[in-house]
Amino acid sequence: MDDNGHGTHCAGIASAVTDNAIGIAGVCWNCRVMSLKFLDLNGYGSTLDGARAIEYAADNGAEVISMSWGCNYYSDALKDALYYAYARDATLLAAAGNGNTNEKSYPAGYSNVIAIAATDSNDERAGFSNYGCWINICAPGVNIYSAILDNAYDSKSGTSMACPYVSGLAGLVISQNPGWGNNQVRGQVIYTADNLDSLNT
């Protein structure tokens, strides 16, 4: 549980325990989660602190780094942290943003990060989701039911919800292919997905 609830909801999507008759089933139900917090209880923080969290995750063996947060400006410190983590074979994934624009959001906009847009129940781009040729993949992001604070559950929408779906998938790929590097994991996730042209329009 974090003091905002956003991280709790995302962690549930990625890895909530299954087959226990409680709540939901996470995508990678036996994955371990390293919870790193750099945003305050209102969801605000600095990209420098985000960069430090990424480096900490890489230094402590994180194989998948899921980033359901973003900003609309380029940061050298953030870019350097992502390259540092990628060099240590972490698979990097980030929410594309909820601005209904084709402008890049960061960290999703960096080349070594899998940028994740959101779809609705009709498998179309969610109206709020960022889009464009810089998007790598999409996943469900509308009315997603998951864990919230105080042992409860609720539905939330956003590319933040789509990101842990794909992060959980990356965890599953690694669990089945433990010798794979992040380029192989990235390729398996992206190139085995269905093509949805609506994400580029």
C-alpha atoms as a PDB file:
ATOM      1  CA  MET A   1       0.000   0.000   0.000  1.00  0.00           C
ATOM      2  CA  ASP A   2       1.272   3.446  -0.899  1.00  0.00           C
ATOM      3  CA  ASP A   3      -0.171   6.653   0.519  1.00  0.00           C
ATOM      4  CA  ASN A   4      -1.705   7.675  -2.821  1.00  0.00           C
ATOM      5  CA  GLY A   5      -3.126   4.340  -3.985  1.00  0.00           C
ATOM      6  CA  HIS A   6      -1.996   4.634  -7.598  1.00  0.00           C
ATOM      7  CA  GLY A   7       0.972   2.311  -7.083  1.00  0.00           C
ATOM      8  CA  THR A   8      -1.190  -0.183  -5.218  1.00  0.00           C
ATOM      9  CA  HIS A   9      -3.626  -0.345  -8.128  1.00  0.00           C
ATOM     10  CA  CYS A  10      -0.832  -0.808 -10.682  1.00  0.00           C
ATOM     11  CA  ALA A  11       0.949  -3.470  -8.625  1.00  0.00           C
ATOM     12  CA  GLY A  12      -2.279  -5.459  -8.390  1.00  0.00           C
ATOM     13  CA  ILE A  13      -2.699  -5.481 -12.161  1.00  0.00           C
ATOM     14  CA  ALA A  14       0.843  -6.721 -12.661  1.00  0.00           C
ATOM     15  CA  SER A  15       1.083  -9.334  -9.947  1.00  0.00           C
ATOM     16  CA  ALA A  16      -1.873  -9.858  -7.618  1.00  0.00           C
ATOM     17  CA  VAL A  17      -1.939 -13.410  -6.231  1.00  0.00           C
ATOM     18  CA  THR A  18      -4.284 -15.764  -8.060  1.00  0.00           C
ATOM     19  CA  ASP A  19      -6.512 -18.690  -7.098  1.00  0.00           C
ATOM     20  CA  ASN A  20      -7.227 -17.361  -3.611  1.00  0.00           C
ATOM     21  CA  ALA A  21     -10.861 -16.274  -4.137  1.00  0.00           C
ATOM     22  CA  ILE A  22      -9.898 -12.690  -3.252  1.00  0.00           C
ATOM     23  CA  GLY A  23     -10.042  -9.651  -5.518  1.00  0.00           C
ATOM     24  CA  ILE A  24      -8.354 -10.034  -8.887  1.00  0.00           C
ATOM     25  CA  ALA A  25      -5.778 -12.131 -10.695  1.00  0.00           C
ATOM     26  CA  GLY A  26      -2.522 -10.407 -11.625  1.00  0.00           C
ATOM     27  CA  VAL A  27      -0.944 -10.967 -15.035  1.00  0.00           C
ATOM     28  CA  CYS A  28       2.270 -12.362 -13.547  1.00  0.00           C
ATOM     29  CA  TRP A  29       0.784 -13.730 -10.332  1.00  0.00           C
ATOM     30  CA  ASN A  30       4.036 -15.081  -8.886  1.00  0.00           C
ATOM     31  CA  CYS A  31       6.272 -12.123  -9.726  1.00  0.00           C
ATOM     32  CA  ARG A  32       8.040 -10.339  -6.909  1.00  0.00           C
ATOM     33  CA  VAL A  33       7.423  -6.587  -6.702  1.00  0.00           C
ATOM     34  CA  MET A  34      10.076  -4.083  -5.639  1.00  0.00           C
ATOM     35  CA  SER A  35       8.021  -1.052  -4.621  1.00  0.00           C
ATOM     36  CA  LEU A  36       9.925   2.193  -5.100  1.00  0.00           C
ATOM     37  CA  LYS A  37       8.316   5.521  -4.244  1.00  0.00           C
ATOM     38  CA  PHE A  38       9.500   8.977  -5.309  1.00  0.00           C
ATOM     39  CA  LEU A  39       6.176  10.797  -5.691  1.00  0.00           C
ATOM     40  CA  ASP A  40       4.335  12.417  -2.790  1.00  0.00           C
ATOM     41  CA  LEU A  41       0.860  11.485  -1.590  1.00  0.00           C
ATOM     42  CA  ASN A  42      -0.647  13.762  -4.252  1.00  0.00           C
ATOM     43  CA  GLY A  43       1.347  12.134  -7.051  1.00  0.00           C
ATOM     44  CA  TYR A  44       3.935  14.872  -7.583  1.00  0.00           C
ATOM     45  CA  GLY A  45       7.717  14.621  -7.568  1.00  0.00           C
ATOM     46  CA  SER A  46      10.912  15.346  -9.472  1.00  0.00           C
ATOM     47  CA  THR A  47      12.373  13.523 -12.473  1.00  0.00           C
ATOM     48  CA  LEU A  48      15.711  13.488 -10.646  1.00  0.00           C
ATOM     49  CA  ASP A  49      14.172  11.414  -7.871  1.00  0.00           C
ATOM     50  CA  GLY A  50      12.565   9.218 -10.532  1.00  0.00           C
ATOM     51  CA  ALA A  51      15.996   8.691 -12.060  1.00  0.00           C
ATOM     52  CA  ARG A  52      17.384   7.695  -8.666  1.00  0.00           C
ATOM     53  CA  ALA A  53      14.576   5.163  -8.215  1.00  0.00           C
ATOM     54  CA  ILE A  54      15.344   3.627 -11.618  1.00  0.00           C
ATOM     55  CA  GLU A  55      19.034   3.336 -10.775  1.00  0.00           C
ATOM     56  CA  TYR A  56      18.202   1.776  -7.406  1.00  0.00           C
ATOM     57  CA  ALA A  57      15.953  -0.783  -9.102  1.00  0.00           C
ATOM     58  CA  ALA A  58      18.698  -1.671 -11.583  1.00  0.00           C
ATOM     59  CA  ASP A  59      21.334  -1.955  -8.852  1.00  0.00           C
ATOM     60  CA  ASN A  60      19.090  -4.300  -6.876  1.00  0.00           C
ATOM     61  CA  GLY A  61      18.333  -6.775  -9.633  1.00  0.00           C
ATOM     62  CA  ALA A  62      15.025  -5.597 -11.096  1.00  0.00           C
ATOM     63  CA  GLU A  63      14.442  -7.426 -14.380  1.00  0.00           C
ATOM     64  CA  VAL A  64      11.363  -5.387 -15.314  1.00  0.00           C
ATOM     65  CA  ILE A  65      10.943  -1.693 -14.470  1.00  0.00           C
ATOM     66  CA  SER A  66       7.316  -0.576 -14.812  1.00  0.00           C
ATOM     67  CA  MET A  67       6.771   3.197 -14.856  1.00  0.00           C
ATOM     68  CA  SER A  68       3.163   4.356 -14.596  1.00  0.00           C
ATOM     69  CA  TRP A  69       4.120   8.006 -14.389  1.00  0.00           C
ATOM     70  CA  GLY A  70       5.379  10.659 -16.742  1.00  0.00           C
ATOM     71  CA  CYS A  71       6.117  14.244 -17.667  1.00  0.00           C
ATOM     72  CA  ASN A  72       6.072  16.222 -20.899  1.00  0.00           C
ATOM     73  CA  TYR A  73       9.707  17.345 -20.910  1.00  0.00           C
ATOM     74  CA  TYR A  74      13.003  15.700 -21.780  1.00  0.00           C
ATOM     75  CA  SER A  75      15.452  15.092 -18.932  1.00  0.00           C
ATOM     76  CA  ASP A  76      19.099  14.125 -19.366  1.00  0.00           C
ATOM     77  CA  ALA A  77      19.192  12.727 -15.825  1.00  0.00           C
ATOM     78  CA  LEU A  78      16.199  10.499 -16.536  1.00  0.00           C
ATOM     79  CA  LYS A  79      17.622   9.393 -19.893  1.00  0.00           C
ATOM     80  CA  ASP A  80      20.953   8.519 -18.279  1.00  0.00           C
ATOM     81  CA  ALA A  81      19.220   6.483 -15.562  1.00  0.00           C
ATOM     82  CA  LEU A  82      17.230   4.542 -18.149  1.00  0.00           C
ATOM     83  CA  TYR A  83      20.353   3.763 -20.177  1.00  0.00           C
ATOM     84  CA  TYR A  84      22.056   2.697 -16.953  1.00  0.00           C
ATOM     85  CA  ALA A  85      19.204   0.286 -16.186  1.00  0.00           C
ATOM     86  CA  TYR A  86      18.991  -0.965 -19.758  1.00  0.00           C
ATOM     87  CA  ALA A  87      22.721  -1.715 -19.762  1.00  0.00           C
ATOM     88  CA  ARG A  88      22.049  -3.927 -16.729  1.00  0.00           C
ATOM     89  CA  ASP A  89      19.493  -5.868 -18.778  1.00  0.00           C
ATOM     90  CA  ALA A  90      16.313  -4.436 -17.250  1.00  0.00           C
ATOM     91  CA  THR A  91      13.257  -4.381 -19.511  1.00  0.00           C
ATOM     92  CA  LEU A  92      11.853  -0.836 -19.331  1.00  0.00           C
ATOM     93  CA  LEU A  93       8.147  -0.042 -19.765  1.00  0.00           C
ATOM     94  CA  ALA A  94       6.219   3.198 -19.293  1.00  0.00           C
ATOM     95  CA  ALA A  95       2.741   4.639 -19.621  1.00  0.00           C
ATOM     96  CA  ALA A  96       2.375   6.774 -22.753  1.00  0.00           C
ATOM     97  CA  GLY A  97       0.282   9.457 -21.042  1.00  0.00           C
ATOM     98  CA  ASN A  98      -3.346  10.553 -20.923  1.00  0.00           C
ATOM     99  CA  GLY A  99      -3.280  13.779 -22.930  1.00  0.00           C
ATOM    100  CA  ASN A 100      -4.977  12.551 -26.141  1.00  0.00           C
ATOM    101  CA  THR A 101      -1.979  13.842 -28.106  1.00  0.00           C
ATOM    102  CA  ASN A 102       0.738  12.451 -30.337  1.00  0.00           C
ATOM    103  CA  GLU A 103       3.401  14.380 -28.449  1.00  0.00           C
ATOM    104  CA  LYS A 104       5.834  12.260 -26.499  1.00  0.00           C
ATOM    105  CA  SER A 105       5.604  11.799 -22.759  1.00  0.00           C
ATOM    106  CA  TYR A 106       8.669  10.772 -20.785  1.00  0.00           C
ATOM    107  CA  PRO A 107      10.001   8.244 -19.756  1.00  0.00           C
ATOM    108  CA  ALA A 108       7.840   6.467 -22.370  1.00  0.00           C
ATOM    109  CA  GLY A 109       9.315   8.614 -25.145  1.00  0.00           C
ATOM    110  CA  TYR A 110      12.893   7.380 -24.774  1.00  0.00           C
ATOM    111  CA  SER A 111      13.999   4.860 -27.383  1.00  0.00           C
ATOM    112  CA  ASN A 112      14.904   2.036 -24.988  1.00  0.00           C
ATOM    113  CA  VAL A 113      11.543   2.160 -23.180  1.00  0.00           C
ATOM    114  CA  ILE A 114       8.432   0.262 -24.306  1.00  0.00           C
ATOM    115  CA  ALA A 115       5.795   3.009 -24.654  1.00  0.00           C
ATOM    116  CA  ILE A 116       2.326   1.733 -23.731  1.00  0.00           C
ATOM    117  CA  ALA A 117      -0.969   3.274 -24.841  1.00  0.00           C
ATOM    118  CA  ALA A 118      -4.412   2.329 -23.532  1.00  0.00           C
ATOM    119  CA  THR A 119      -7.335   0.577 -25.229  1.00  0.00           C
ATOM    120  CA  ASP A 120     -10.985   0.287 -24.287  1.00  0.00           C
ATOM    121  CA  SER A 121     -13.327  -2.712 -24.160  1.00  0.00           C
ATOM    122  CA  ASN A 122     -13.801  -2.518 -27.957  1.00  0.00           C
ATOM    123  CA  ASP A 123     -10.046  -2.907 -28.525  1.00  0.00           C
ATOM    124  CA  GLU A 124      -9.882   0.684 -29.770  1.00  0.00           C
ATOM    125  CA  ARG A 125      -7.663   3.475 -28.508  1.00  0.00           C
ATOM    126  CA  ALA A 126      -9.000   4.937 -25.276  1.00  0.00           C
ATOM    127  CA  GLY A 127     -10.101   8.517 -25.900  1.00  0.00           C
ATOM    128  CA  PHE A 128      -7.650   9.919 -23.351  1.00  0.00           C
ATOM    129  CA  SER A 129      -4.633   7.875 -24.466  1.00  0.00           C
ATOM    130  CA  ASN A 130      -1.630   9.427 -26.157  1.00  0.00           C
ATOM    131  CA  TYR A 131      -0.920   7.936 -29.573  1.00  0.00           C
ATOM    132  CA  GLY A 132       1.425   8.083 -32.563  1.00  0.00           C
ATOM    133  CA  CYS A 133       4.270   6.264 -34.253  1.00  0.00           C
ATOM    134  CA  TRP A 134       6.364   6.396 -31.071  1.00  0.00           C
ATOM    135  CA  ILE A 135       3.941   4.038 -29.276  1.00  0.00           C
ATOM    136  CA  ASN A 136       5.219   0.454 -29.110  1.00  0.00           C
ATOM    137  CA  ILE A 137       2.204  -1.445 -27.784  1.00  0.00           C
ATOM    138  CA  CYS A 138      -1.166  -0.984 -26.104  1.00  0.00           C
ATOM    139  CA  ALA A 139      -3.155  -2.760 -23.419  1.00  0.00           C
ATOM    140  CA  PRO A 140      -6.500  -2.394 -21.606  1.00  0.00           C
ATOM    141  CA  GLY A 141      -6.713   0.871 -19.703  1.00  0.00           C
ATOM    142  CA  VAL A 142     -10.401   1.720 -19.190  1.00  0.00           C
ATOM    143  CA  ASN A 143     -12.296   0.776 -16.017  1.00  0.00           C
ATOM    144  CA  ILE A 144      -9.617  -1.630 -14.838  1.00  0.00           C
ATOM    145  CA  TYR A 145     -10.471  -3.344 -11.562  1.00  0.00           C
ATOM    146  CA  SER A 146      -7.587  -3.770  -9.127  1.00  0.00           C
ATOM    147  CA  ALA A 147      -6.440  -3.362  -5.541  1.00  0.00           C
ATOM    148  CA  ILE A 148      -6.644  -0.010  -3.769  1.00  0.00           C
ATOM    149  CA  LEU A 149      -5.829   1.145  -0.260  1.00  0.00           C
ATOM    150  CA  ASP A 150      -7.181  -0.502   2.879  1.00  0.00           C
ATOM    151  CA  ASN A 151      -7.612  -3.984   1.388  1.00  0.00           C
ATOM    152  CA  ALA A 152     -10.271  -2.832  -1.072  1.00  0.00           C
ATOM    153  CA  TYR A 153     -10.748  -2.901  -4.864  1.00  0.00           C
ATOM    154  CA  ASP A 154     -11.899  -0.346  -7.412  1.00  0.00           C
ATOM    155  CA  SER A 155     -11.815   0.498 -11.121  1.00  0.00           C
ATOM    156  CA  LYS A 156      -9.479   3.128 -12.563  1.00  0.00           C
ATOM    157  CA  SER A 157      -8.637   4.264 -16.076  1.00  0.00           C
ATOM    158  CA  GLY A 158      -5.428   5.483 -17.692  1.00  0.00           C
ATOM    159  CA  THR A 159      -2.303   4.443 -19.510  1.00  0.00           C
ATOM    160  CA  SER A 160      -1.012   3.870 -15.984  1.00  0.00           C
ATOM    161  CA  MET A 161      -3.308   0.843 -15.858  1.00  0.00           C
ATOM    162  CA  ALA A 162      -2.217  -0.389 -19.307  1.00  0.00           C
ATOM    163  CA  CYS A 163       1.466  -0.270 -18.354  1.00  0.00           C
ATOM    164  CA  PRO A 164       1.387  -2.961 -15.618  1.00  0.00           C
ATOM    165  CA  TYR A 165      -0.515  -5.308 -17.937  1.00  0.00           C
ATOM    166  CA  VAL A 166       2.454  -5.294 -20.291  1.00  0.00           C
ATOM    167  CA  SER A 167       4.956  -5.262 -17.427  1.00  0.00           C
ATOM    168  CA  GLY A 168       3.317  -8.406 -16.042  1.00  0.00           C
ATOM    169  CA  LEU A 169       3.543  -9.946 -19.503  1.00  0.00           C
ATOM    170  CA  ALA A 170       7.268  -9.123 -19.627  1.00  0.00           C
ATOM    171  CA  GLY A 171       7.624 -10.903 -16.286  1.00  0.00           C
ATOM    172  CA  LEU A 172       5.862 -13.959 -17.690  1.00  0.00           C
ATOM    173  CA  VAL A 173       8.158 -13.968 -20.741  1.00  0.00           C
ATOM    174  CA  ILE A 174      11.219 -13.873 -18.485  1.00  0.00           C
ATOM    175  CA  SER A 175       9.833 -16.640 -16.273  1.00  0.00           C
ATOM    176  CA  GLN A 176       9.567 -18.901 -19.319  1.00  0.00           C
ATOM    177  CA  ASN A 177      12.874 -17.766 -20.837  1.00  0.00           C
ATOM    178  CA  PRO A 178      15.188 -17.002 -17.901  1.00  0.00           C
ATOM    179  CA  GLY A 179      18.255 -16.674 -20.101  1.00  0.00           C
ATOM    180  CA  TRP A 180      16.789 -13.998 -22.340  1.00  0.00           C
ATOM    181  CA  GLY A 181      18.134 -10.453 -22.400  1.00  0.00           C
ATOM    182  CA  ASN A 182      15.972  -7.340 -22.470  1.00  0.00           C
ATOM    183  CA  ASN A 183      16.139  -7.019 -26.269  1.00  0.00           C
ATOM    184  CA  GLN A 184      14.667 -10.503 -26.636  1.00  0.00           C
ATOM    185  CA  VAL A 185      11.963  -9.801 -24.046  1.00  0.00           C
ATOM    186  CA  ARG A 186      11.115  -6.504 -25.752  1.00  0.00           C
ATOM    187  CA  GLY A 187      10.882  -8.192 -29.142  1.00  0.00           C
ATOM    188  CA  GLN A 188       8.663 -10.997 -27.865  1.00  0.00           C
ATOM    189  CA  VAL A 189       6.268  -8.548 -26.219  1.00  0.00           C
ATOM    190  CA  ILE A 190       6.001  -6.145 -29.152  1.00  0.00           C
ATOM    191  CA  TYR A 191       6.157  -8.362 -32.217  1.00  0.00           C
ATOM    192  CA  THR A 192       3.711 -11.031 -31.055  1.00  0.00           C
ATOM    193  CA  ALA A 193       0.962  -8.463 -30.398  1.00  0.00           C
ATOM    194  CA  ASP A 194      -1.970  -7.787 -32.713  1.00  0.00           C
ATOM    195  CA  ASN A 195      -1.695  -4.692 -34.882  1.00  0.00           C
ATOM    196  CA  LEU A 196      -4.121  -1.885 -33.994  1.00  0.00           C
ATOM    197  CA  ASP A 197      -3.833   0.888 -36.539  1.00  0.00           C
ATOM    198  CA  SER A 198      -6.079   3.192 -34.498  1.00  0.00           C
ATOM    199  CA  LEU A 199      -3.160   3.847 -32.139  1.00  0.00           C
ATOM    200  CA  ASN A 200      -1.278   5.648 -34.914  1.00  0.00           C
ATOM    201  CA  THR A 201      -4.090   7.941 -36.008  1.00  0.00           C
END
